[in-house]
Structures are given as C-alpha cells and as structure tokens.
Amino acid sequence: MKLAIFSGSTRDGSINRKLERALLPMLKEAGFDVTALSLADYDMPIYNGDWEEKNGAPQAAKDLGKKLAAQDAVIVVTPEYNGSLPPVLKNTIDWMTRIDDMSQYHNPVWAIAACTPGPMSGIMVMRQVHYILTRLGTEVLQFQLGVGNASDAFDDDGNLKNERNRDMAQKMISNLAERAAK
C-alpha cells in the first residue's frame, strides 16, 4: 500500500517533523511504501479568489494533489498554533480544493497526528483538521495520534520512547492499514 506523510510545519527543527520521522520505520514495518513530503517543496500564495481568477490554481497545489490522490493513505502530522492549525496547512488544504476532482481528498484514507510541547498533545488542532477534512468528503480515521510533552517524547535516535506513545502510534498505523486495504 502506498502512503504519503507530511507535516503541517516547514521548520527543520519542528517537533512535528520529528514525529513524522519517528513514524517512518513503523510505517515501513507495517508494509507501507512510504513517501515523505514537505510542504516547503509546494510553495503556494495565500489563497485569494482574485489571484485564482487571474492565475488559476498554483502548479504546486496541482502537483501535491496529484501525489496525494495516487496514495492509498495519507498522514498529516500537524503542529498546534494557539489552539488551531498552522497557516501553511490551512492554505494547502484550501488550494487543493480548487483543483480537479478533489480525488486527493476522496481516494486515500487520511490519518491525523500531532505533537506539542505541553501535555495536551494537539487535541484542538486534530479536532479542527478532522472537521475540515470530513467536510471535504475525506475518509478520516477517528483514532488520532497525539504526542504531548515533546521534550521528553523522543529518545536520542529520534524514536518514540514512551511505550504508551509507541502503542498509540501502532494502533493508528494498524487502523490505517486495515482501512486503506479495503
């Protein structure tokens, strides 16, 4: 099964990109053919209807949409900015609604994960991303992976060190594999 994973952050030192990297070996072990994407490679202007009318959807949105539509599963690992989703992720979601047939939202099964410095593990942002994706007709796993207390969540090799976090990651991956196989 083909899976794309990307972070809602483009910052190199992002704890969510760290979570993304920690999930990669677990996903491969579960049998996924994984493609790690970076939103930094898909530069898009802030969505503006006037800009779209003059220029159409940006090529970056079309390219990303095509890559996601070709997957069996997608995982978005998102930071929480002041209790909400980061602008780069919201902008990406919005632009990808302006292309083709929305197959990037209708073909793959999506899963959501978040990592935060505090104990709440991104619960607010995961709820918002789930709501937005569901409104777009996306099949989204109900089970989400929230990793809190990021400063103590990873070992020196970048793996999840807490057994509970590893178990939750395995549960999300297992649920995703089962749904994507259908």
N, C-alpha and C. Protein backbone atom coordinates (compact mmCIF):
# COMPACT_ATOMS: atom_id res chain seq x y z
N MET A 1 0.84 -1.18 0.00
CA MET A 1 0.00 0.00 0.00
C MET A 1 0.88 1.24 0.00
N LYS A 2 0.45 2.23 -0.76
CA LYS A 2 1.21 3.47 -0.86
C LYS A 2 0.68 4.49 0.16
N LEU A 3 1.61 5.15 0.83
CA LEU A 3 1.26 6.13 1.85
C LEU A 3 2.14 7.35 1.72
N ALA A 4 1.53 8.53 1.80
CA ALA A 4 2.28 9.79 1.87
C ALA A 4 2.11 10.35 3.27
N ILE A 5 3.20 10.90 3.80
CA ILE A 5 3.17 11.54 5.11
C ILE A 5 3.80 12.91 4.97
N PHE A 6 3.19 13.89 5.62
CA PHE A 6 3.77 15.23 5.62
C PHE A 6 3.40 15.95 6.90
N SER A 7 4.22 16.93 7.22
CA SER A 7 3.99 17.75 8.40
C SER A 7 3.34 19.06 8.00
N GLY A 8 2.53 19.59 8.88
CA GLY A 8 1.94 20.91 8.70
C GLY A 8 2.90 22.02 9.06
N SER A 9 4.15 21.65 9.32
CA SER A 9 5.20 22.63 9.60
C SER A 9 6.30 22.46 8.57
N THR A 10 6.89 23.57 8.18
CA THR A 10 8.01 23.51 7.24
C THR A 10 9.34 23.77 7.95
N ARG A 11 9.30 24.02 9.24
CA ARG A 11 10.51 24.32 10.01
C ARG A 11 11.33 23.07 10.24
N ASP A 12 12.64 23.14 9.95
CA ASP A 12 13.52 21.97 10.10
C ASP A 12 13.49 21.40 11.52
N GLY A 13 13.50 22.26 12.54
CA GLY A 13 13.53 21.79 13.92
C GLY A 13 12.18 21.49 14.52
N SER A 14 11.16 21.42 13.72
CA SER A 14 9.80 21.19 14.20
C SER A 14 9.66 19.85 14.91
N ILE A 15 8.98 19.87 16.06
CA ILE A 15 8.73 18.62 16.77
C ILE A 15 7.76 17.73 15.99
N ASN A 16 6.94 18.32 15.15
CA ASN A 16 6.03 17.51 14.33
C ASN A 16 6.76 16.83 13.20
N ARG A 17 7.78 17.46 12.67
CA ARG A 17 8.61 16.78 11.67
C ARG A 17 9.40 15.66 12.34
N LYS A 18 9.74 15.87 13.62
CA LYS A 18 10.42 14.82 14.39
C LYS A 18 9.48 13.61 14.57
N LEU A 19 8.22 13.89 14.87
CA LEU A 19 7.23 12.81 14.99
C LEU A 19 7.05 12.11 13.65
N GLU A 20 6.99 12.88 12.59
CA GLU A 20 6.89 12.30 11.24
C GLU A 20 8.03 11.32 11.00
N ARG A 21 9.26 11.73 11.30
CA ARG A 21 10.43 10.86 11.10
C ARG A 21 10.37 9.62 12.00
N ALA A 22 9.84 9.77 13.22
CA ALA A 22 9.72 8.63 14.13
C ALA A 22 8.71 7.60 13.62
N LEU A 23 7.71 8.06 12.88
CA LEU A 23 6.69 7.15 12.35
C LEU A 23 7.17 6.38 11.12
N LEU A 24 8.14 6.91 10.39
CA LEU A 24 8.57 6.29 9.13
C LEU A 24 8.94 4.81 9.27
N PRO A 25 9.84 4.43 10.20
CA PRO A 25 10.17 3.00 10.28
C PRO A 25 8.99 2.13 10.71
N MET A 26 8.11 2.68 11.52
CA MET A 26 6.93 1.92 11.95
C MET A 26 5.99 1.68 10.77
N LEU A 27 5.86 2.68 9.91
CA LEU A 27 5.01 2.55 8.72
C LEU A 27 5.60 1.53 7.75
N LYS A 28 6.89 1.60 7.55
CA LYS A 28 7.55 0.66 6.63
C LYS A 28 7.43 -0.76 7.17
N GLU A 29 7.58 -0.92 8.47
CA GLU A 29 7.45 -2.25 9.09
C GLU A 29 6.03 -2.80 8.92
N ALA A 30 5.05 -1.89 8.87
CA ALA A 30 3.65 -2.30 8.68
C ALA A 30 3.33 -2.61 7.22
N GLY A 31 4.31 -2.43 6.34
CA GLY A 31 4.12 -2.80 4.94
C GLY A 31 3.77 -1.65 4.00
N PHE A 32 3.80 -0.43 4.49
CA PHE A 32 3.52 0.71 3.63
C PHE A 32 4.74 1.07 2.80
N ASP A 33 4.50 1.45 1.56
CA ASP A 33 5.50 2.05 0.70
C ASP A 33 5.35 3.56 0.94
N VAL A 34 6.28 4.14 1.72
CA VAL A 34 6.12 5.48 2.25
C VAL A 34 6.83 6.54 1.41
N THR A 35 6.11 7.62 1.15
CA THR A 35 6.68 8.82 0.54
C THR A 35 6.54 9.95 1.54
N ALA A 36 7.68 10.48 2.00
CA ALA A 36 7.66 11.63 2.91
C ALA A 36 7.72 12.90 2.06
N LEU A 37 6.74 13.76 2.28
CA LEU A 37 6.63 15.01 1.54
C LEU A 37 6.89 16.18 2.49
N SER A 38 7.30 17.30 1.94
CA SER A 38 7.46 18.52 2.71
C SER A 38 6.66 19.63 2.04
N LEU A 39 5.84 20.32 2.81
CA LEU A 39 5.08 21.43 2.25
C LEU A 39 6.00 22.56 1.78
N ALA A 40 7.24 22.58 2.25
CA ALA A 40 8.21 23.57 1.79
C ALA A 40 8.50 23.39 0.30
N ASP A 41 8.29 22.20 -0.22
CA ASP A 41 8.51 21.93 -1.65
C ASP A 41 7.30 22.31 -2.51
N TYR A 42 6.24 22.78 -1.89
CA TYR A 42 5.00 23.12 -2.59
C TYR A 42 4.57 24.54 -2.22
N ASP A 43 5.34 25.48 -2.65
CA ASP A 43 5.10 26.89 -2.31
C ASP A 43 3.84 27.39 -3.01
N MET A 44 2.93 27.95 -2.22
CA MET A 44 1.68 28.48 -2.75
C MET A 44 1.40 29.83 -2.12
N PRO A 45 0.86 30.76 -2.90
CA PRO A 45 0.49 32.04 -2.29
C PRO A 45 -0.67 31.84 -1.33
N ILE A 46 -0.87 32.80 -0.45
CA ILE A 46 -2.05 32.77 0.42
C ILE A 46 -3.27 32.77 -0.50
N TYR A 47 -4.23 31.89 -0.18
CA TYR A 47 -5.40 31.78 -1.06
C TYR A 47 -6.10 33.12 -1.18
N ASN A 48 -6.44 33.49 -2.42
CA ASN A 48 -7.15 34.72 -2.73
C ASN A 48 -7.92 34.45 -4.02
N GLY A 49 -9.23 34.61 -3.96
CA GLY A 49 -10.06 34.34 -5.12
C GLY A 49 -9.72 35.18 -6.35
N ASP A 50 -9.32 36.43 -6.11
CA ASP A 50 -8.93 37.28 -7.24
C ASP A 50 -7.66 36.74 -7.90
N TRP A 51 -6.72 36.31 -7.06
CA TRP A 51 -5.47 35.74 -7.59
C TRP A 51 -5.79 34.48 -8.40
N GLU A 52 -6.67 33.65 -7.85
CA GLU A 52 -7.05 32.42 -8.55
C GLU A 52 -7.74 32.73 -9.88
N GLU A 53 -8.62 33.70 -9.90
CA GLU A 53 -9.32 34.04 -11.13
C GLU A 53 -8.34 34.49 -12.22
N LYS A 54 -7.32 35.20 -11.82
CA LYS A 54 -6.32 35.70 -12.77
C LYS A 54 -5.32 34.62 -13.19
N ASN A 55 -4.92 33.75 -12.25
CA ASN A 55 -3.82 32.80 -12.49
C ASN A 55 -4.21 31.33 -12.47
N GLY A 56 -5.37 31.01 -11.95
CA GLY A 56 -5.72 29.60 -11.75
C GLY A 56 -5.06 29.07 -10.49
N ALA A 57 -5.28 27.83 -10.20
CA ALA A 57 -4.64 27.21 -9.02
C ALA A 57 -3.14 27.09 -9.27
N PRO A 58 -2.34 27.28 -8.24
CA PRO A 58 -0.89 27.16 -8.42
C PRO A 58 -0.49 25.74 -8.83
N GLN A 59 0.54 25.65 -9.63
CA GLN A 59 1.04 24.34 -10.07
C GLN A 59 1.42 23.48 -8.87
N ALA A 60 1.92 24.10 -7.81
CA ALA A 60 2.31 23.35 -6.61
C ALA A 60 1.10 22.63 -6.01
N ALA A 61 -0.06 23.27 -6.00
CA ALA A 61 -1.27 22.63 -5.47
C ALA A 61 -1.67 21.46 -6.35
N LYS A 62 -1.57 21.64 -7.66
CA LYS A 62 -1.90 20.56 -8.59
C LYS A 62 -0.95 19.39 -8.42
N ASP A 63 0.34 19.67 -8.28
CA ASP A 63 1.35 18.61 -8.12
C ASP A 63 1.13 17.84 -6.83
N LEU A 64 0.91 18.57 -5.74
CA LEU A 64 0.68 17.91 -4.45
C LEU A 64 -0.62 17.11 -4.48
N GLY A 65 -1.66 17.69 -5.02
CA GLY A 65 -2.94 16.98 -5.11
C GLY A 65 -2.82 15.69 -5.88
N LYS A 66 -2.08 15.72 -6.98
CA LYS A 66 -1.88 14.51 -7.80
C LYS A 66 -1.11 13.43 -7.00
N LYS A 67 -0.09 13.86 -6.26
CA LYS A 67 0.67 12.89 -5.45
C LYS A 67 -0.20 12.27 -4.38
N LEU A 68 -1.00 13.08 -3.71
CA LEU A 68 -1.86 12.56 -2.64
C LEU A 68 -2.96 11.66 -3.19
N ALA A 69 -3.53 12.02 -4.33
CA ALA A 69 -4.60 11.21 -4.93
C ALA A 69 -4.11 9.82 -5.32
N ALA A 70 -2.82 9.68 -5.59
CA ALA A 70 -2.26 8.40 -6.01
C ALA A 70 -1.94 7.48 -4.83
N GLN A 71 -2.20 7.93 -3.61
CA GLN A 71 -1.89 7.16 -2.42
C GLN A 71 -3.09 6.34 -1.95
N ASP A 72 -2.80 5.30 -1.19
CA ASP A 72 -3.86 4.56 -0.51
C ASP A 72 -4.17 5.20 0.84
N ALA A 73 -3.16 5.88 1.40
CA ALA A 73 -3.31 6.51 2.71
C ALA A 73 -2.44 7.75 2.79
N VAL A 74 -2.86 8.69 3.63
CA VAL A 74 -2.11 9.92 3.89
C VAL A 74 -2.13 10.17 5.38
N ILE A 75 -0.98 10.56 5.91
CA ILE A 75 -0.91 11.01 7.31
C ILE A 75 -0.43 12.44 7.32
N VAL A 76 -1.19 13.31 7.98
CA VAL A 76 -0.75 14.67 8.21
C VAL A 76 -0.38 14.78 9.69
N VAL A 77 0.82 15.27 9.94
CA VAL A 77 1.34 15.46 11.29
C VAL A 77 1.40 16.97 11.50
N THR A 78 0.54 17.48 12.36
CA THR A 78 0.39 18.93 12.41
C THR A 78 0.70 19.55 13.76
N PRO A 79 1.39 20.68 13.74
CA PRO A 79 1.54 21.44 14.97
C PRO A 79 0.23 22.13 15.34
N GLU A 80 0.17 22.57 16.56
CA GLU A 80 -0.97 23.35 17.03
C GLU A 80 -0.47 24.75 17.33
N TYR A 81 -1.01 25.72 16.61
CA TYR A 81 -0.63 27.12 16.80
C TYR A 81 -1.75 27.82 17.55
N ASN A 82 -1.52 28.13 18.81
CA ASN A 82 -2.52 28.84 19.62
C ASN A 82 -3.88 28.17 19.56
N GLY A 83 -3.88 26.85 19.66
CA GLY A 83 -5.12 26.08 19.68
C GLY A 83 -5.73 25.84 18.32
N SER A 84 -4.99 26.11 17.25
CA SER A 84 -5.55 25.97 15.91
C SER A 84 -4.49 25.41 14.96
N LEU A 85 -4.88 25.26 13.68
CA LEU A 85 -3.96 24.71 12.71
C LEU A 85 -3.04 25.79 12.14
N PRO A 86 -1.85 25.39 11.70
CA PRO A 86 -0.90 26.36 11.16
C PRO A 86 -1.36 26.89 9.80
N PRO A 87 -1.05 28.15 9.51
CA PRO A 87 -1.50 28.76 8.25
C PRO A 87 -1.05 27.99 7.01
N VAL A 88 0.17 27.44 7.00
CA VAL A 88 0.64 26.73 5.80
C VAL A 88 -0.23 25.50 5.52
N LEU A 89 -0.68 24.82 6.55
CA LEU A 89 -1.54 23.65 6.35
C LEU A 89 -2.93 24.08 5.87
N LYS A 90 -3.50 25.09 6.49
CA LYS A 90 -4.83 25.56 6.08
C LYS A 90 -4.80 26.06 4.64
N ASN A 91 -3.76 26.80 4.28
CA ASN A 91 -3.63 27.31 2.92
C ASN A 91 -3.51 26.16 1.92
N THR A 92 -2.74 25.14 2.27
CA THR A 92 -2.57 23.98 1.40
C THR A 92 -3.90 23.26 1.20
N ILE A 93 -4.62 23.04 2.29
CA ILE A 93 -5.93 22.39 2.20
C ILE A 93 -6.85 23.21 1.30
N ASP A 94 -6.87 24.53 1.51
CA ASP A 94 -7.75 25.39 0.72
C ASP A 94 -7.41 25.35 -0.76
N TRP A 95 -6.12 25.49 -1.10
CA TRP A 95 -5.74 25.47 -2.52
C TRP A 95 -6.08 24.13 -3.17
N MET A 96 -5.90 23.05 -2.42
CA MET A 96 -6.18 21.74 -3.04
C MET A 96 -7.67 21.49 -3.25
N THR A 97 -8.52 22.34 -2.69
CA THR A 97 -9.95 22.22 -3.01
C THR A 97 -10.27 22.89 -4.33
N ARG A 98 -9.33 23.60 -4.89
CA ARG A 98 -9.55 24.38 -6.11
C ARG A 98 -9.04 23.67 -7.36
N ILE A 99 -8.66 22.41 -7.22
CA ILE A 99 -8.10 21.68 -8.37
C ILE A 99 -8.96 20.47 -8.71
N ASP A 100 -9.03 20.17 -9.94
CA ASP A 100 -9.60 18.93 -10.48
C ASP A 100 -10.83 18.42 -9.75
N ASP A 101 -10.80 17.14 -9.43
CA ASP A 101 -11.99 16.46 -8.91
C ASP A 101 -11.93 16.16 -7.42
N MET A 102 -11.00 16.72 -6.70
CA MET A 102 -10.84 16.52 -5.26
C MET A 102 -10.45 15.08 -4.91
N SER A 103 -9.91 14.34 -5.87
CA SER A 103 -9.54 12.95 -5.59
C SER A 103 -8.46 12.85 -4.52
N GLN A 104 -7.70 13.92 -4.29
CA GLN A 104 -6.71 13.91 -3.22
C GLN A 104 -7.38 13.79 -1.85
N TYR A 105 -8.64 14.17 -1.78
CA TYR A 105 -9.39 14.02 -0.54
C TYR A 105 -10.30 12.80 -0.56
N HIS A 106 -10.64 12.29 -1.75
CA HIS A 106 -11.61 11.20 -1.83
C HIS A 106 -11.00 9.83 -2.05
N ASN A 107 -9.78 9.75 -2.57
CA ASN A 107 -9.17 8.43 -2.82
C ASN A 107 -8.49 7.85 -1.58
N PRO A 108 -7.49 8.53 -1.01
CA PRO A 108 -6.80 7.91 0.13
C PRO A 108 -7.59 8.06 1.43
N VAL A 109 -7.27 7.20 2.37
CA VAL A 109 -7.76 7.32 3.74
C VAL A 109 -6.74 8.20 4.46
N TRP A 110 -7.20 9.15 5.23
CA TRP A 110 -6.33 10.08 5.93
C TRP A 110 -6.28 9.76 7.43
N ALA A 111 -5.13 10.03 8.02
CA ALA A 111 -4.96 9.95 9.48
C ALA A 111 -4.29 11.24 9.94
N ILE A 112 -4.51 11.58 11.20
CA ILE A 112 -4.01 12.83 11.75
C ILE A 112 -3.19 12.53 13.00
N ALA A 113 -2.04 13.20 13.10
CA ALA A 113 -1.19 13.10 14.28
C ALA A 113 -0.72 14.51 14.63
N ALA A 114 -0.36 14.69 15.89
CA ALA A 114 0.15 16.00 16.34
C ALA A 114 1.11 15.77 17.50
N CYS A 115 2.05 16.70 17.63
CA CYS A 115 3.00 16.68 18.72
C CYS A 115 3.08 18.09 19.29
N THR A 116 3.03 18.20 20.60
CA THR A 116 3.06 19.52 21.24
C THR A 116 4.05 19.54 22.40
N PRO A 117 4.54 20.73 22.74
CA PRO A 117 5.45 20.83 23.88
C PRO A 117 4.74 20.56 25.20
N GLY A 118 3.46 20.88 25.29
CA GLY A 118 2.70 20.69 26.53
C GLY A 118 1.99 19.35 26.55
N PRO A 119 1.25 19.08 27.61
CA PRO A 119 0.63 17.77 27.80
C PRO A 119 -0.62 17.50 26.98
N MET A 120 -1.20 18.52 26.33
CA MET A 120 -2.49 18.33 25.66
C MET A 120 -2.38 17.63 24.31
N SER A 121 -1.21 17.44 23.80
CA SER A 121 -0.92 16.60 22.62
C SER A 121 -1.64 17.00 21.33
N GLY A 122 -1.99 18.26 21.18
CA GLY A 122 -2.57 18.70 19.92
C GLY A 122 -4.04 18.37 19.74
N ILE A 123 -4.74 18.14 20.81
CA ILE A 123 -6.13 17.71 20.71
C ILE A 123 -7.00 18.73 19.96
N MET A 124 -6.75 20.02 20.15
CA MET A 124 -7.57 21.04 19.49
C MET A 124 -7.33 21.05 17.98
N VAL A 125 -6.07 21.01 17.57
CA VAL A 125 -5.78 21.05 16.14
C VAL A 125 -6.24 19.78 15.43
N MET A 126 -6.07 18.64 16.09
CA MET A 126 -6.52 17.39 15.46
C MET A 126 -8.03 17.41 15.23
N ARG A 127 -8.76 17.95 16.19
CA ARG A 127 -10.22 18.07 16.05
C ARG A 127 -10.56 18.96 14.86
N GLN A 128 -9.86 20.09 14.71
CA GLN A 128 -10.14 21.02 13.62
C GLN A 128 -9.79 20.44 12.25
N VAL A 129 -8.64 19.80 12.16
CA VAL A 129 -8.24 19.20 10.89
C VAL A 129 -9.22 18.09 10.51
N HIS A 130 -9.61 17.28 11.48
CA HIS A 130 -10.59 16.22 11.23
C HIS A 130 -11.89 16.82 10.70
N TYR A 131 -12.37 17.88 11.32
CA TYR A 131 -13.60 18.53 10.89
C TYR A 131 -13.49 19.03 9.45
N ILE A 132 -12.41 19.72 9.14
CA ILE A 132 -12.23 20.28 7.80
C ILE A 132 -12.18 19.16 6.76
N LEU A 133 -11.35 18.15 7.01
CA LEU A 133 -11.21 17.06 6.04
C LEU A 133 -12.54 16.31 5.86
N THR A 134 -13.25 16.08 6.92
CA THR A 134 -14.54 15.38 6.84
C THR A 134 -15.53 16.20 6.01
N ARG A 135 -15.54 17.52 6.19
CA ARG A 135 -16.42 18.38 5.40
C ARG A 135 -16.09 18.30 3.91
N LEU A 136 -14.84 17.98 3.59
CA LEU A 136 -14.44 17.86 2.19
C LEU A 136 -14.75 16.47 1.62
N GLY A 137 -15.33 15.60 2.43
CA GLY A 137 -15.68 14.27 1.96
C GLY A 137 -14.56 13.25 2.11
N THR A 138 -13.57 13.59 2.91
CA THR A 138 -12.43 12.71 3.12
C THR A 138 -12.76 11.63 4.13
N GLU A 139 -12.29 10.42 3.88
CA GLU A 139 -12.39 9.37 4.88
C GLU A 139 -11.22 9.56 5.84
N VAL A 140 -11.52 9.89 7.08
CA VAL A 140 -10.50 10.20 8.08
C VAL A 140 -10.65 9.23 9.25
N LEU A 141 -9.54 8.64 9.67
CA LEU A 141 -9.59 7.77 10.85
C LEU A 141 -10.12 8.53 12.05
N GLN A 142 -10.95 7.90 12.83
CA GLN A 142 -11.39 8.50 14.09
C GLN A 142 -10.25 8.53 15.10
N PHE A 143 -9.44 7.48 15.09
CA PHE A 143 -8.32 7.39 16.03
C PHE A 143 -7.20 8.32 15.57
N GLN A 144 -6.75 9.18 16.47
CA GLN A 144 -5.69 10.13 16.15
C GLN A 144 -4.53 9.93 17.12
N LEU A 145 -3.34 10.25 16.65
CA LEU A 145 -2.14 10.11 17.48
C LEU A 145 -1.72 11.47 18.01
N GLY A 146 -1.86 11.68 19.30
CA GLY A 146 -1.41 12.90 19.95
C GLY A 146 -0.24 12.59 20.86
N VAL A 147 0.86 13.29 20.65
CA VAL A 147 2.05 13.11 21.48
C VAL A 147 2.33 14.43 22.19
N GLY A 148 2.17 14.43 23.50
CA GLY A 148 2.43 15.62 24.29
C GLY A 148 3.81 15.56 24.93
N ASN A 149 4.17 16.64 25.60
CA ASN A 149 5.46 16.74 26.30
C ASN A 149 6.61 16.34 25.39
N ALA A 150 6.69 17.00 24.26
CA ALA A 150 7.63 16.65 23.20
C ALA A 150 9.08 16.61 23.65
N SER A 151 9.46 17.44 24.61
CA SER A 151 10.86 17.46 25.04
C SER A 151 11.29 16.13 25.66
N ASP A 152 10.30 15.33 26.07
CA ASP A 152 10.60 14.03 26.68
C ASP A 152 10.01 12.86 25.87
N ALA A 153 9.54 13.12 24.66
CA ALA A 153 8.82 12.10 23.88
C ALA A 153 9.73 11.23 23.02
N PHE A 154 10.94 11.71 22.71
CA PHE A 154 11.81 11.01 21.77
C PHE A 154 13.13 10.63 22.43
N ASP A 155 13.66 9.46 22.02
CA ASP A 155 14.97 9.07 22.52
C ASP A 155 16.06 9.73 21.68
N ASP A 156 17.30 9.43 21.99
CA ASP A 156 18.44 10.05 21.29
C ASP A 156 18.47 9.72 19.79
N ASP A 157 17.83 8.62 19.40
CA ASP A 157 17.80 8.22 17.99
C ASP A 157 16.56 8.77 17.27
N GLY A 158 15.72 9.53 17.97
CA GLY A 158 14.54 10.12 17.35
C GLY A 158 13.31 9.23 17.38
N ASN A 159 13.38 8.11 18.08
CA ASN A 159 12.23 7.21 18.19
C ASN A 159 11.34 7.62 19.36
N LEU A 160 10.07 7.26 19.29
CA LEU A 160 9.18 7.48 20.42
C LEU A 160 9.67 6.63 21.58
N LYS A 161 9.93 7.24 22.71
CA LYS A 161 10.50 6.45 23.82
C LYS A 161 9.46 5.99 24.83
N ASN A 162 8.32 6.62 24.86
CA ASN A 162 7.26 6.27 25.78
C ASN A 162 6.45 5.11 25.20
N GLU A 163 6.29 4.05 25.96
CA GLU A 163 5.57 2.87 25.49
C GLU A 163 4.13 3.20 25.08
N ARG A 164 3.50 4.07 25.83
CA ARG A 164 2.12 4.46 25.51
C ARG A 164 2.06 5.14 24.14
N ASN A 165 3.00 6.05 23.88
CA ASN A 165 3.03 6.73 22.57
C ASN A 165 3.30 5.75 21.44
N ARG A 166 4.22 4.82 21.67
CA ARG A 166 4.51 3.80 20.63
C ARG A 166 3.28 2.95 20.38
N ASP A 167 2.59 2.54 21.45
CA ASP A 167 1.38 1.73 21.30
C ASP A 167 0.29 2.49 20.55
N MET A 168 0.14 3.77 20.85
CA MET A 168 -0.87 4.59 20.15
C MET A 168 -0.50 4.74 18.68
N ALA A 169 0.78 4.93 18.39
CA ALA A 169 1.24 5.04 17.00
C ALA A 169 0.95 3.73 16.27
N GLN A 170 1.25 2.62 16.89
CA GLN A 170 0.98 1.30 16.27
C GLN A 170 -0.50 1.11 16.02
N LYS A 171 -1.33 1.56 16.95
CA LYS A 171 -2.78 1.42 16.78
C LYS A 171 -3.25 2.26 15.59
N MET A 172 -2.76 3.50 15.48
CA MET A 172 -3.15 4.34 14.36
C MET A 172 -2.71 3.70 13.04
N ILE A 173 -1.47 3.22 13.00
CA ILE A 173 -0.92 2.61 11.78
C ILE A 173 -1.70 1.36 11.41
N SER A 174 -2.01 0.57 12.39
CA SER A 174 -2.76 -0.66 12.16
C SER A 174 -4.18 -0.36 11.65
N ASN A 175 -4.85 0.62 12.26
CA ASN A 175 -6.18 1.03 11.80
C ASN A 175 -6.10 1.57 10.36
N LEU A 176 -5.06 2.34 10.09
CA LEU A 176 -4.90 2.93 8.76
C LEU A 176 -4.65 1.84 7.71
N ALA A 177 -3.82 0.88 8.05
CA ALA A 177 -3.55 -0.22 7.11
C ALA A 177 -4.82 -1.01 6.81
N GLU A 178 -5.61 -1.27 7.84
CA GLU A 178 -6.86 -2.01 7.66
C GLU A 178 -7.83 -1.25 6.77
N ARG A 179 -7.99 0.05 7.02
CA ARG A 179 -8.93 0.86 6.23
C ARG A 179 -8.44 1.07 4.81
N ALA A 180 -7.13 1.29 4.65
CA ALA A 180 -6.59 1.54 3.32
C ALA A 180 -6.65 0.29 2.44
N ALA A 181 -6.61 -0.87 3.05
CA ALA A 181 -6.66 -2.12 2.30
C ALA A 181 -8.05 -2.39 1.71
N LYS A 182 -9.06 -1.75 2.22
CA LYS A 182 -10.44 -2.00 1.76
C LYS A 182 -10.72 -1.33 0.48
